[in-house]
Amino acid sequence: MNLTKVQISELMHKYAERENGLHNLRLLSQAKEQSKSGTPLFGKDGAFHRVLEDFLNAAMEGEMDSHLHSEKMSGNRRLT
């Protein structure tokens, strides 16, 4: 069975959606349990710790990409 790049991309996207869905269900279940027990949701062991960490890392990565792109466009030879 030979798959095109588009078909492979679509399959990977569907797999990621399914995995994200399962992850979200586990996250919501964990948040519900922690809320019931009075455990902080955003602490080191909180249900939303990983979500916040991923969000902040993605934001910093976007800022760095933007900065490097603008440096490259300005002709900064250190980046070439």
Foldseek 3Di string as FASTA:
>chain_A
DDDDPVRVVVVVVVVVVVVVVVLVVVLVVQQVVCVVVVHDQCDPPHSCVVVVVVVVVVVVVVVVVVVLVVCVVVPPPVSD
